[in-house]
Amino acid sequence: MKRKFLNKSKEYLIIGNINKSINVLKNSSLDDIEINQWIDDASDLYNSREKLESLESILLEIIGKDVY
């Protein structure tokens, strides 16, 4: 059973969907220190990416206003 969750999580990582990979492991019954640490680290990475994308949009909006 553990292998099934790990494989599914890996497949989501391969296609670049870190959020679904995190959710697969969070919703599994796996309780492993290393997996829990990975979930925490991956969640931090996902949240950082979201904030960077938001900042990028704001900066592009500001730069676009200055150009015109």
Protein backbone atom coordinates (compact mmCIF):
# COMPACT_ATOMS: atom_id res chain seq x y z
CA MET A 1 0.00 0.00 0.00
CA LYS A 2 2.82 2.40 0.86
CA ARG A 3 4.39 1.81 -2.54
CA LYS A 4 1.12 2.74 -4.29
CA PHE A 5 1.00 6.17 -2.65
CA LEU A 6 4.69 6.80 -3.28
CA ASN A 7 4.37 5.87 -6.96
CA LYS A 8 1.32 8.08 -7.44
CA SER A 9 3.07 10.96 -5.71
CA LYS A 10 6.15 10.42 -7.89
CA GLU A 11 4.06 10.47 -11.05
CA TYR A 12 2.62 13.87 -10.12
CA LEU A 13 6.14 15.16 -9.50
CA ILE A 14 7.28 13.91 -12.90
CA ILE A 15 4.59 15.96 -14.62
CA GLY A 16 5.39 18.98 -12.44
CA ASN A 17 2.32 18.98 -10.21
CA ILE A 18 3.86 19.32 -6.78
CA ASN A 19 0.56 20.26 -5.14
CA LYS A 20 -1.15 17.01 -6.13
CA SER A 21 1.94 15.08 -5.06
CA ILE A 22 1.74 16.71 -1.64
CA ASN A 23 -1.97 15.98 -1.36
CA VAL A 24 -1.50 12.30 -2.24
CA LEU A 25 0.96 11.89 0.60
CA LYS A 26 -1.06 13.99 3.04
CA ASN A 27 -4.17 11.90 2.37
CA SER A 28 -2.29 8.62 2.68
CA SER A 29 -1.98 6.72 5.91
CA LEU A 30 1.79 7.00 5.75
CA ASP A 31 3.35 8.24 8.96
CA ASP A 32 7.05 8.47 8.35
CA ILE A 33 9.35 11.19 9.64
CA GLU A 34 11.14 11.62 6.30
CA ILE A 35 7.89 11.71 4.32
CA ASN A 36 6.37 14.22 6.73
CA GLN A 37 9.50 16.38 6.43
CA TRP A 38 9.30 16.15 2.64
CA ILE A 39 5.63 17.21 2.76
CA ASP A 40 6.57 20.25 4.86
CA ASP A 41 9.45 21.20 2.58
CA ALA A 42 7.41 20.65 -0.59
CA SER A 43 4.57 22.74 0.84
CA ASP A 44 7.02 25.57 1.52
CA LEU A 45 8.30 25.30 -2.05
CA TYR A 46 4.77 25.31 -3.47
CA ASN A 47 3.79 28.36 -1.39
CA SER A 48 6.98 30.17 -2.45
CA ARG A 49 6.23 29.50 -6.11
CA GLU A 50 2.70 30.85 -5.70
CA LYS A 51 4.02 34.03 -4.07
CA LEU A 52 6.65 34.48 -6.77
CA GLU A 53 4.03 34.13 -9.50
CA SER A 54 1.88 36.72 -7.75
CA LEU A 55 4.83 39.09 -7.40
CA GLU A 56 5.72 38.57 -11.05
CA SER A 57 2.18 39.52 -12.10
CA ILE A 58 2.24 42.64 -9.95
CA LEU A 59 5.63 43.69 -11.31
CA LEU A 60 4.56 43.12 -14.91
CA GLU A 61 1.43 45.17 -14.28
CA ILE A 62 3.49 48.03 -12.84
CA ILE A 63 6.07 47.89 -15.63
CA GLY A 64 3.29 47.78 -18.23
CA LYS A 65 1.75 50.95 -16.82
CA ASP A 66 5.10 52.76 -16.93
CA VAL A 67 5.72 51.82 -20.57
CA TYR A 68 2.50 53.39 -21.82
